C-alpha atoms as a PDB file:
ATOM      1  CA  MET A   1      -7.222  -3.661  17.502  1.00  0.00           C
ATOM      2  CA  ALA A   2     -10.350  -1.644  16.430  1.00  0.00           C
ATOM      3  CA  GLU A   3     -13.391  -3.408  17.431  1.00  0.00           C
ATOM      4  CA  SER A   4     -15.141  -3.764  14.308  1.00  0.00           C
ATOM      5  CA  TYR A   5     -14.141  -3.511  10.179  1.00  0.00           C
ATOM      6  CA  GLU A   6     -15.664  -0.210  10.016  1.00  0.00           C
ATOM      7  CA  GLU A   7     -13.651   1.372  12.912  1.00  0.00           C
ATOM      8  CA  TRP A   8     -10.403  -0.428  11.497  1.00  0.00           C
ATOM      9  CA  MET A   9     -11.083   1.315   7.982  1.00  0.00           C
ATOM     10  CA  HIS A  10     -11.821   4.481   9.953  1.00  0.00           C
ATOM     11  CA  GLU A  11      -8.038   4.104  11.252  1.00  0.00           C
ATOM     12  CA  VAL A  12      -6.940   3.347   7.920  1.00  0.00           C
ATOM     13  CA  ARG A  13      -8.222   6.089   6.340  1.00  0.00           C
ATOM     14  CA  ASN A  14      -6.688   8.402   9.269  1.00  0.00           C
ATOM     15  CA  ALA A  15      -3.301   6.754   8.132  1.00  0.00           C
ATOM     16  CA  PHE A  16      -3.655   7.942   5.030  1.00  0.00           C
ATOM     17  CA  ASP A  17      -4.794  11.654   5.638  1.00  0.00           C
ATOM     18  CA  SER A  18      -1.082  11.795   6.728  1.00  0.00           C
ATOM     19  CA  LEU A  19       0.041  11.353   3.202  1.00  0.00           C
ATOM     20  CA  ASN A  20      -0.137  13.807   0.584  1.00  0.00           C
ATOM     21  CA  MET A  21      -3.019  11.757  -1.238  1.00  0.00           C
ATOM     22  CA  PRO A  22      -6.684  10.626  -0.009  1.00  0.00           C
ATOM     23  CA  MET A  23      -7.182   7.159   0.115  1.00  0.00           C
ATOM     24  CA  ALA A  24     -10.070   7.216  -2.383  1.00  0.00           C
ATOM     25  CA  ASP A  25      -7.549   8.808  -5.066  1.00  0.00           C
ATOM     26  CA  TRP A  26      -5.001   5.643  -4.709  1.00  0.00           C
ATOM     27  CA  GLN A  27      -8.220   3.079  -4.845  1.00  0.00           C
ATOM     28  CA  VAL A  28      -8.297   4.262  -8.424  1.00  0.00           C
ATOM     29  CA  ILE A  29      -5.007   2.972  -9.155  1.00  0.00           C
ATOM     30  CA  GLY A  30      -5.873  -0.218  -8.120  1.00  0.00           C
ATOM     31  CA  THR A  31      -8.077  -2.319  -5.498  1.00  0.00           C
ATOM     32  CA  PHE A  32      -6.123  -3.052  -2.292  1.00  0.00           C
ATOM     33  CA  ASP A  33      -7.639  -6.155  -0.325  1.00  0.00           C
ATOM     34  CA  TYR A  34      -8.409  -4.412   3.243  1.00  0.00           C
ATOM     35  CA  ARG A  35     -10.844  -7.218   4.409  1.00  0.00           C
ATOM     36  CA  SER A  36      -8.142  -9.656   4.228  1.00  0.00           C
ATOM     37  CA  GLU A  37      -5.740  -7.505   5.828  1.00  0.00           C
ATOM     38  CA  TYR A  38      -8.437  -6.797   8.667  1.00  0.00           C
ATOM     39  CA  ASP A  39      -8.970 -10.683   9.005  1.00  0.00           C
ATOM     40  CA  ALA A  40      -5.395 -11.172   9.467  1.00  0.00           C
ATOM     41  CA  GLY A  41      -5.311  -8.777  12.176  1.00  0.00           C
ATOM     42  CA  VAL A  42      -2.756  -6.431  10.639  1.00  0.00           C
ATOM     43  CA  LYS A  43      -2.688  -2.772  12.547  1.00  0.00           C
ATOM     44  CA  PRO A  44      -4.541  -0.225  10.597  1.00  0.00           C
ATOM     45  CA  ALA A  45      -1.343   1.868  10.081  1.00  0.00           C
ATOM     46  CA  ASP A  46       0.502  -1.089   8.794  1.00  0.00           C
ATOM     47  CA  ALA A  47      -2.281  -1.877   6.251  1.00  0.00           C
ATOM     48  CA  ALA A  48      -1.990   1.696   5.042  1.00  0.00           C
ATOM     49  CA  MET A  49       1.648   1.582   4.551  1.00  0.00           C
ATOM     50  CA  LYS A  50       1.145  -2.152   2.774  1.00  0.00           C
ATOM     51  CA  ALA A  51      -1.508  -0.513   0.550  1.00  0.00           C
ATOM     52  CA  ASN A  52       0.698   2.564  -0.120  1.00  0.00           C
ATOM     53  CA  ARG A  53       3.647   0.232  -1.615  1.00  0.00           C
ATOM     54  CA  TYR A  54       1.089  -1.858  -3.375  1.00  0.00           C
ATOM     55  CA  TRP A  55      -0.203   1.358  -5.148  1.00  0.00           C
ATOM     56  CA  TRP A  56       3.204   2.915  -5.893  1.00  0.00           C
ATOM     57  CA  HIS A  57       4.035  -0.592  -7.331  1.00  0.00           C
ATOM     58  CA  GLU A  58       1.045  -0.456  -9.407  1.00  0.00           C
ATOM     59  CA  TRP A  59       1.521   3.261 -10.660  1.00  0.00           C
ATOM     60  CA  ASN A  60       5.209   2.260 -11.742  1.00  0.00           C
ATOM     61  CA  LYS A  61       4.144  -0.801 -13.514  1.00  0.00           C
ATOM     62  CA  SER A  62       1.411   1.579 -15.489  1.00  0.00           C
ATOM     63  CA  LEU A  63       4.337   4.127 -16.113  1.00  0.00           C
ATOM     64  CA  LYS A  64       6.470   1.187 -17.266  1.00  0.00           C
ATOM     65  CA  GLN A  65       8.937   2.641 -14.880  1.00  0.00           C
ATOM     66  CA  ASP A  66       8.682  -0.470 -12.398  1.00  0.00           C
ATOM     67  CA  CYS A  67      11.861  -1.744 -11.010  1.00  0.00           C
ATOM     68  CA  ARG A  68      13.499  -4.353 -13.301  1.00  0.00           C
ATOM     69  CA  GLN A  69      16.023  -5.565 -10.410  1.00  0.00           C
ATOM     70  CA  THR A  70      13.319  -7.927  -8.680  1.00  0.00           C
ATOM     71  CA  LYS A  71       9.786  -8.419  -9.607  1.00  0.00           C
ATOM     72  CA  ASP A  72       8.130  -7.419  -6.439  1.00  0.00           C
ATOM     73  CA  CYS A  73       9.989  -4.173  -5.519  1.00  0.00           C
ATOM     74  CA  TRP A  74       7.389  -0.978  -5.085  1.00  0.00           C
ATOM     75  CA  LEU A  75      10.409   1.387  -6.023  1.00  0.00           C
ATOM     76  CA  PRO A  76      10.750   3.071  -9.577  1.00  0.00           C
ATOM     77  CA  ARG A  77      13.388   1.956 -12.045  1.00  0.00           C
ATOM     78  CA  GLY A  78      16.619   3.217 -11.401  1.00  0.00           C
ATOM     79  CA  HIS A  79      15.945   3.499  -7.590  1.00  0.00           C
ATOM     80  CA  GLN A  80      19.107   3.510  -5.368  1.00  0.00           C
ATOM     81  CA  GLY A  81      19.662   1.363  -2.325  1.00  0.00           C
ATOM     82  CA  GLN A  82      18.509  -2.152  -1.934  1.00  0.00           C
ATOM     83  CA  CYS A  83      15.057  -3.295  -3.466  1.00  0.00           C
ATOM     84  CA  GLN A  84      12.000  -3.040  -0.959  1.00  0.00           C
ATOM     85  CA  PRO A  85       9.143  -5.511  -1.655  1.00  0.00           C
ATOM     86  CA  VAL A  86       5.705  -4.744  -1.968  1.00  0.00           C
ATOM     87  CA  ALA A  87       4.646  -7.072   0.937  1.00  0.00           C
ATOM     88  CA  GLU A  88       7.291  -7.749   3.913  1.00  0.00           C
ATOM     89  CA  GLU A  89       7.035 -11.244   5.256  1.00  0.00           C
END
């Protein structure tokens, strides 16, 4: 685990760099609570993945294209396969 929150956030940003959209662009969609993830000991790559699911869920809701099968599914309406929750237990 990273030694400080700042180092941890640097690793989260690096994980987002592997996606097609910079972290700052995703933050505009909705604020994700990174501090609680860090405090819970979540690995940076796992926090980035959780944030990504959270933002897709928010984005789909804003477009009124959110999944209607389950309340917490981050996939868009009409997706194939099983629903996937925003936060995995």
